[in-house]
Amino acid sequence: MLLWTVRGAPHLHRRADLPSVAAAVAPFSDADAGKRVHDAAKPLKAAGITPLEALDTSAATMRSVVTQPTVKGEVSSRLTALLDPPHLRAFRTSTPPPAPSGPTRAATSSAGTCACSGPPRASTSPPTSTPL
């Protein structure tokens, strides 16, 4: 299975190893989670939301959105519609501001989604999230 696990990049993992992988890549503290969400940590902190809480919220929301294979852009659009403003990130060219990719990628293991399904080395274009 291809999962967004280490350094916000997709890596191949055996399905049988997924529980161990999810435990190994889970943030171990708020400081660690803050580094994983990159610059999204600042607006979250200003709103009184810890990085771990933000990742939990992103994961729960992603779980509710990815109930079947869903292209990344659609996942992002649905997350943007459901997440509160502190979880979003303003860009000059985007209205409304989208869910930032750092927290979204960091939450995929907790959300129980993978980047794509299929045999090893299979990929999809555009990138597709699939529930595990």
N, C-alpha and C. Protein backbone atom coordinates (compact mmCIF):
# COMPACT_ATOMS: atom_id res chain seq x y z
N MET A 1 0.84 -1.17 0.00
CA MET A 1 0.00 0.00 0.00
C MET A 1 0.89 1.24 0.00
N LEU A 2 0.49 2.22 -0.72
CA LEU A 2 1.22 3.47 -0.78
C LEU A 2 0.60 4.44 0.21
N LEU A 3 1.36 4.82 1.23
CA LEU A 3 0.87 5.73 2.27
C LEU A 3 1.77 6.94 2.38
N TRP A 4 1.16 8.08 2.72
CA TRP A 4 1.92 9.29 3.03
C TRP A 4 2.42 9.11 4.46
N THR A 5 3.66 8.70 4.63
CA THR A 5 4.12 8.40 5.98
C THR A 5 5.31 9.25 6.40
N VAL A 6 6.44 9.07 5.79
CA VAL A 6 7.67 9.70 6.26
C VAL A 6 7.96 10.94 5.43
N ARG A 7 8.21 12.06 6.13
CA ARG A 7 8.55 13.33 5.49
C ARG A 7 7.50 13.80 4.50
N GLY A 8 6.24 13.46 4.73
CA GLY A 8 5.17 13.93 3.87
C GLY A 8 5.23 13.39 2.46
N ALA A 9 5.87 12.24 2.28
CA ALA A 9 6.00 11.65 0.96
C ALA A 9 5.39 10.24 0.97
N PRO A 10 4.93 9.78 -0.18
CA PRO A 10 4.35 8.43 -0.22
C PRO A 10 5.43 7.35 -0.18
N HIS A 11 5.17 6.31 0.59
CA HIS A 11 6.07 5.17 0.68
C HIS A 11 5.25 3.89 0.59
N LEU A 12 5.83 2.85 0.02
CA LEU A 12 5.15 1.56 -0.07
C LEU A 12 5.32 0.77 1.22
N HIS A 13 4.21 0.21 1.70
CA HIS A 13 4.22 -0.61 2.92
C HIS A 13 3.37 -1.84 2.66
N ARG A 14 3.73 -2.94 3.31
CA ARG A 14 2.90 -4.14 3.24
C ARG A 14 1.64 -3.93 4.09
N ARG A 15 0.50 -4.39 3.59
CA ARG A 15 -0.76 -4.21 4.31
C ARG A 15 -0.67 -4.76 5.73
N ALA A 16 -0.02 -5.91 5.90
CA ALA A 16 0.10 -6.52 7.23
C ALA A 16 0.88 -5.65 8.20
N ASP A 17 1.72 -4.77 7.68
CA ASP A 17 2.55 -3.90 8.53
C ASP A 17 1.88 -2.58 8.88
N LEU A 18 0.73 -2.29 8.31
CA LEU A 18 0.13 -0.96 8.47
C LEU A 18 -0.13 -0.55 9.92
N PRO A 19 -0.62 -1.42 10.79
CA PRO A 19 -0.79 -0.98 12.18
C PRO A 19 0.54 -0.56 12.82
N SER A 20 1.60 -1.30 12.56
CA SER A 20 2.91 -0.95 13.12
C SER A 20 3.44 0.33 12.50
N VAL A 21 3.23 0.49 11.20
CA VAL A 21 3.68 1.71 10.52
C VAL A 21 2.94 2.92 11.08
N ALA A 22 1.62 2.80 11.24
CA ALA A 22 0.83 3.93 11.77
C ALA A 22 1.32 4.32 13.16
N ALA A 23 1.61 3.32 14.00
CA ALA A 23 2.12 3.61 15.35
C ALA A 23 3.49 4.26 15.29
N ALA A 24 4.33 3.80 14.37
CA ALA A 24 5.70 4.32 14.28
C ALA A 24 5.76 5.75 13.76
N VAL A 25 4.83 6.12 12.90
CA VAL A 25 4.89 7.46 12.31
C VAL A 25 3.99 8.47 13.03
N ALA A 26 3.24 8.03 14.03
CA ALA A 26 2.39 8.95 14.78
C ALA A 26 3.26 9.94 15.56
N PRO A 27 2.89 11.22 15.60
CA PRO A 27 3.66 12.18 16.38
C PRO A 27 3.66 11.78 17.86
N PHE A 28 4.80 11.95 18.51
CA PHE A 28 4.91 11.55 19.91
C PHE A 28 4.72 12.71 20.87
N SER A 29 4.56 13.92 20.37
CA SER A 29 4.33 15.08 21.23
C SER A 29 3.74 16.21 20.39
N ASP A 30 3.27 17.25 21.07
CA ASP A 30 2.78 18.42 20.34
C ASP A 30 3.91 19.09 19.56
N ALA A 31 5.11 19.11 20.12
CA ALA A 31 6.24 19.71 19.41
C ALA A 31 6.53 18.95 18.12
N ASP A 32 6.51 17.62 18.20
CA ASP A 32 6.73 16.80 17.02
C ASP A 32 5.62 17.02 15.99
N ALA A 33 4.37 17.04 16.45
CA ALA A 33 3.24 17.28 15.55
C ALA A 33 3.35 18.66 14.90
N GLY A 34 3.79 19.65 15.68
CA GLY A 34 3.95 21.01 15.14
C GLY A 34 4.93 21.05 13.99
N LYS A 35 5.99 20.26 14.07
CA LYS A 35 6.96 20.21 12.98
C LYS A 35 6.38 19.51 11.76
N ARG A 36 5.48 18.60 11.97
CA ARG A 36 4.88 17.87 10.85
C ARG A 36 3.84 18.69 10.10
N VAL A 37 3.22 19.65 10.78
CA VAL A 37 2.22 20.48 10.11
C VAL A 37 2.83 21.76 9.57
N HIS A 38 4.12 21.90 9.73
CA HIS A 38 4.89 23.02 9.18
C HIS A 38 4.30 24.37 9.59
N ASP A 39 4.12 25.26 8.62
CA ASP A 39 3.67 26.62 8.94
C ASP A 39 2.18 26.69 9.29
N ALA A 40 1.47 25.59 9.23
CA ALA A 40 0.07 25.58 9.66
C ALA A 40 -0.03 25.66 11.18
N ALA A 41 1.07 25.41 11.88
CA ALA A 41 1.05 25.42 13.35
C ALA A 41 0.74 26.81 13.92
N LYS A 42 1.20 27.86 13.25
CA LYS A 42 1.01 29.23 13.78
C LYS A 42 -0.46 29.62 13.92
N PRO A 43 -1.27 29.51 12.86
CA PRO A 43 -2.69 29.88 13.03
C PRO A 43 -3.43 28.95 13.98
N LEU A 44 -3.01 27.70 14.03
CA LEU A 44 -3.64 26.77 14.96
C LEU A 44 -3.36 27.20 16.40
N LYS A 45 -2.10 27.53 16.68
CA LYS A 45 -1.71 27.96 18.02
C LYS A 45 -2.46 29.23 18.40
N ALA A 46 -2.58 30.16 17.45
CA ALA A 46 -3.29 31.42 17.71
C ALA A 46 -4.76 31.16 18.07
N ALA A 47 -5.33 30.07 17.55
CA ALA A 47 -6.72 29.73 17.82
C ALA A 47 -6.86 28.82 19.04
N GLY A 48 -5.73 28.52 19.71
CA GLY A 48 -5.77 27.68 20.89
C GLY A 48 -5.91 26.19 20.59
N ILE A 49 -5.52 25.80 19.37
CA ILE A 49 -5.60 24.40 18.95
C ILE A 49 -4.18 23.83 18.91
N THR A 50 -3.96 22.74 19.63
CA THR A 50 -2.63 22.13 19.61
C THR A 50 -2.44 21.37 18.29
N PRO A 51 -1.19 21.18 17.86
CA PRO A 51 -0.95 20.41 16.64
C PRO A 51 -1.53 19.00 16.69
N LEU A 52 -1.45 18.34 17.87
CA LEU A 52 -2.03 16.99 17.98
C LEU A 52 -3.54 17.03 17.80
N GLU A 53 -4.20 18.03 18.39
CA GLU A 53 -5.65 18.17 18.20
C GLU A 53 -5.97 18.43 16.73
N ALA A 54 -5.16 19.25 16.08
CA ALA A 54 -5.38 19.56 14.67
C ALA A 54 -5.25 18.31 13.81
N LEU A 55 -4.24 17.48 14.09
CA LEU A 55 -4.08 16.25 13.32
C LEU A 55 -5.24 15.30 13.57
N ASP A 56 -5.70 15.21 14.82
CA ASP A 56 -6.85 14.36 15.12
C ASP A 56 -8.09 14.84 14.37
N THR A 57 -8.29 16.16 14.33
CA THR A 57 -9.43 16.73 13.62
C THR A 57 -9.32 16.45 12.12
N SER A 58 -8.12 16.65 11.57
CA SER A 58 -7.90 16.40 10.15
C SER A 58 -8.14 14.93 9.82
N ALA A 59 -7.65 14.03 10.68
CA ALA A 59 -7.82 12.59 10.44
C ALA A 59 -9.29 12.20 10.49
N ALA A 60 -10.01 12.68 11.50
CA ALA A 60 -11.43 12.35 11.62
C ALA A 60 -12.22 12.88 10.43
N THR A 61 -11.90 14.09 10.02
CA THR A 61 -12.60 14.69 8.88
C THR A 61 -12.27 13.93 7.60
N MET A 62 -11.00 13.56 7.44
CA MET A 62 -10.59 12.81 6.25
C MET A 62 -11.29 11.44 6.21
N ARG A 63 -11.39 10.79 7.36
CA ARG A 63 -12.09 9.51 7.44
C ARG A 63 -13.54 9.65 6.96
N SER A 64 -14.18 10.76 7.31
CA SER A 64 -15.57 10.97 6.91
C SER A 64 -15.69 11.29 5.42
N VAL A 65 -14.63 11.82 4.84
CA VAL A 65 -14.63 12.23 3.43
C VAL A 65 -14.23 11.09 2.49
N VAL A 66 -13.23 10.33 2.88
CA VAL A 66 -12.70 9.28 2.00
C VAL A 66 -13.38 7.96 2.35
N THR A 67 -14.52 7.75 1.75
CA THR A 67 -15.27 6.51 1.97
C THR A 67 -15.19 5.59 0.76
N GLN A 68 -14.58 6.08 -0.29
CA GLN A 68 -14.34 5.34 -1.52
C GLN A 68 -13.15 6.00 -2.20
N PRO A 69 -12.56 5.41 -3.23
CA PRO A 69 -11.44 6.08 -3.90
C PRO A 69 -11.85 7.50 -4.33
N THR A 70 -11.06 8.47 -3.89
CA THR A 70 -11.37 9.88 -4.13
C THR A 70 -10.10 10.61 -4.54
N VAL A 71 -10.15 11.35 -5.65
CA VAL A 71 -8.95 12.06 -6.10
C VAL A 71 -8.56 13.14 -5.10
N LYS A 72 -7.27 13.42 -5.03
CA LYS A 72 -6.72 14.32 -4.02
C LYS A 72 -7.40 15.69 -4.04
N GLY A 73 -7.67 16.23 -5.20
CA GLY A 73 -8.31 17.54 -5.28
C GLY A 73 -9.70 17.55 -4.66
N GLU A 74 -10.43 16.47 -4.85
CA GLU A 74 -11.77 16.36 -4.25
C GLU A 74 -11.66 16.21 -2.73
N VAL A 75 -10.68 15.43 -2.27
CA VAL A 75 -10.46 15.30 -0.82
C VAL A 75 -10.18 16.68 -0.24
N SER A 76 -9.30 17.43 -0.88
CA SER A 76 -8.95 18.78 -0.40
C SER A 76 -10.18 19.69 -0.39
N SER A 77 -10.97 19.65 -1.44
CA SER A 77 -12.18 20.49 -1.50
C SER A 77 -13.16 20.14 -0.38
N ARG A 78 -13.34 18.85 -0.15
CA ARG A 78 -14.27 18.42 0.91
C ARG A 78 -13.73 18.79 2.29
N LEU A 79 -12.42 18.61 2.50
CA LEU A 79 -11.83 19.01 3.78
C LEU A 79 -11.99 20.51 4.00
N THR A 80 -11.75 21.29 2.96
CA THR A 80 -11.88 22.74 3.05
C THR A 80 -13.30 23.14 3.45
N ALA A 81 -14.28 22.45 2.93
CA ALA A 81 -15.67 22.77 3.25
C ALA A 81 -16.04 22.39 4.69
N LEU A 82 -15.34 21.41 5.26
CA LEU A 82 -15.71 20.90 6.58
C LEU A 82 -14.86 21.42 7.74
N LEU A 83 -13.62 21.80 7.47
CA LEU A 83 -12.73 22.23 8.55
C LEU A 83 -12.98 23.69 8.93
N ASP A 84 -12.78 24.00 10.20
CA ASP A 84 -12.91 25.38 10.67
C ASP A 84 -11.75 26.23 10.16
N PRO A 85 -11.92 27.56 10.07
CA PRO A 85 -10.90 28.45 9.51
C PRO A 85 -9.48 28.27 10.05
N PRO A 86 -9.25 28.03 11.36
CA PRO A 86 -7.86 27.88 11.80
C PRO A 86 -7.14 26.70 11.14
N HIS A 87 -7.90 25.73 10.64
CA HIS A 87 -7.32 24.55 9.99
C HIS A 87 -7.02 24.80 8.52
N LEU A 88 -7.41 25.95 8.00
CA LEU A 88 -7.23 26.27 6.59
C LEU A 88 -6.06 27.23 6.42
N ARG A 89 -5.63 27.39 5.20
CA ARG A 89 -4.47 28.23 4.94
C ARG A 89 -4.77 29.16 3.77
N ALA A 90 -4.65 30.43 4.00
CA ALA A 90 -4.98 31.42 2.98
C ALA A 90 -3.85 31.56 1.96
N PHE A 91 -4.22 31.54 0.69
CA PHE A 91 -3.32 31.84 -0.41
C PHE A 91 -3.97 32.97 -1.20
N ARG A 92 -3.18 33.80 -1.81
CA ARG A 92 -3.76 34.91 -2.57
C ARG A 92 -4.64 34.43 -3.71
N THR A 93 -4.33 33.25 -4.27
CA THR A 93 -5.06 32.78 -5.45
C THR A 93 -6.22 31.85 -5.13
N SER A 94 -6.41 31.51 -3.85
CA SER A 94 -7.44 30.53 -3.50
C SER A 94 -8.55 31.15 -2.68
N THR A 95 -9.78 30.93 -3.13
CA THR A 95 -10.94 31.33 -2.36
C THR A 95 -11.93 30.19 -2.44
N PRO A 96 -12.33 29.60 -1.38
CA PRO A 96 -11.86 29.81 -0.01
C PRO A 96 -10.48 29.20 0.20
N PRO A 97 -9.83 29.56 1.32
CA PRO A 97 -8.51 28.99 1.56
C PRO A 97 -8.59 27.48 1.74
N PRO A 98 -7.64 26.73 1.15
CA PRO A 98 -7.70 25.27 1.23
C PRO A 98 -7.11 24.71 2.51
N ALA A 99 -7.39 23.44 2.73
CA ALA A 99 -6.73 22.71 3.82
C ALA A 99 -5.26 22.54 3.40
N PRO A 100 -4.31 22.92 4.26
CA PRO A 100 -2.90 22.81 3.88
C PRO A 100 -2.46 21.36 3.75
N SER A 101 -1.50 21.11 2.87
CA SER A 101 -1.09 19.74 2.59
C SER A 101 -0.30 19.10 3.73
N GLY A 102 0.45 19.88 4.53
CA GLY A 102 1.22 19.29 5.63
C GLY A 102 0.37 18.51 6.60
N PRO A 103 -0.63 19.16 7.22
CA PRO A 103 -1.51 18.43 8.14
C PRO A 103 -2.31 17.33 7.44
N THR A 104 -2.70 17.59 6.20
CA THR A 104 -3.47 16.58 5.47
C THR A 104 -2.65 15.32 5.27
N ARG A 105 -1.41 15.47 4.83
CA ARG A 105 -0.55 14.30 4.63
C ARG A 105 -0.21 13.62 5.95
N ALA A 106 0.06 14.42 6.97
CA ALA A 106 0.42 13.85 8.27
C ALA A 106 -0.74 13.08 8.90
N ALA A 107 -1.96 13.40 8.51
CA ALA A 107 -3.13 12.76 9.12
C ALA A 107 -3.59 11.52 8.37
N THR A 108 -3.01 11.21 7.22
CA THR A 108 -3.55 10.10 6.42
C THR A 108 -3.46 8.75 7.12
N SER A 109 -2.37 8.47 7.82
CA SER A 109 -2.26 7.17 8.51
C SER A 109 -3.32 7.06 9.60
N SER A 110 -3.49 8.13 10.38
CA SER A 110 -4.52 8.12 11.43
C SER A 110 -5.91 8.05 10.84
N ALA A 111 -6.08 8.61 9.66
CA ALA A 111 -7.39 8.61 9.00
C ALA A 111 -7.72 7.24 8.41
N GLY A 112 -6.70 6.39 8.28
CA GLY A 112 -6.93 5.08 7.69
C GLY A 112 -7.11 5.14 6.19
N THR A 113 -6.35 6.03 5.55
CA THR A 113 -6.42 6.14 4.09
C THR A 113 -5.04 5.90 3.50
N CYS A 114 -5.02 5.49 2.24
CA CYS A 114 -3.74 5.33 1.54
C CYS A 114 -3.76 6.21 0.31
N ALA A 115 -2.58 6.45 -0.25
CA ALA A 115 -2.47 7.34 -1.40
C ALA A 115 -3.07 6.71 -2.66
N CYS A 116 -3.03 5.41 -2.76
CA CYS A 116 -3.67 4.71 -3.87
C CYS A 116 -3.74 3.24 -3.51
N SER A 117 -4.52 2.50 -4.27
CA SER A 117 -4.61 1.07 -4.00
C SER A 117 -4.14 0.31 -5.21
N GLY A 118 -3.89 -0.95 -5.04
CA GLY A 118 -3.49 -1.77 -6.17
C GLY A 118 -2.22 -2.52 -5.87
N PRO A 119 -1.67 -3.16 -6.89
CA PRO A 119 -0.45 -3.94 -6.69
C PRO A 119 0.73 -3.03 -6.38
N PRO A 120 1.81 -3.60 -5.84
CA PRO A 120 3.00 -2.79 -5.57
C PRO A 120 3.40 -1.98 -6.79
N ARG A 121 3.84 -0.79 -6.52
CA ARG A 121 4.28 0.17 -7.52
C ARG A 121 3.15 0.71 -8.39
N ALA A 122 1.92 0.35 -8.05
CA ALA A 122 0.79 0.92 -8.78
C ALA A 122 0.65 2.37 -8.38
N SER A 123 0.27 3.20 -9.29
CA SER A 123 0.03 4.60 -8.96
C SER A 123 -1.20 5.06 -9.72
N THR A 124 -1.70 6.15 -9.30
CA THR A 124 -2.84 6.73 -9.99
C THR A 124 -2.52 8.16 -10.34
N SER A 125 -3.11 8.63 -11.39
CA SER A 125 -2.96 10.01 -11.77
C SER A 125 -4.35 10.49 -12.17
N PRO A 126 -4.90 11.45 -11.49
CA PRO A 126 -4.32 12.19 -10.36
C PRO A 126 -4.24 11.31 -9.10
N PRO A 127 -3.44 11.78 -8.11
CA PRO A 127 -3.34 11.03 -6.86
C PRO A 127 -4.72 10.78 -6.26
N THR A 128 -4.92 9.57 -5.76
CA THR A 128 -6.22 9.16 -5.24
C THR A 128 -6.08 8.62 -3.82
N SER A 129 -6.93 9.07 -2.92
CA SER A 129 -6.97 8.52 -1.55
C SER A 129 -8.02 7.43 -1.51
N THR A 130 -7.70 6.36 -0.81
CA THR A 130 -8.58 5.21 -0.69
C THR A 130 -8.66 4.78 0.76
N PRO A 131 -9.85 4.47 1.27
CA PRO A 131 -9.92 3.98 2.65
C PRO A 131 -9.26 2.60 2.73
N LEU A 132 -8.61 2.34 3.86
CA LEU A 132 -7.95 1.03 4.04
C LEU A 132 -8.95 -0.02 4.47
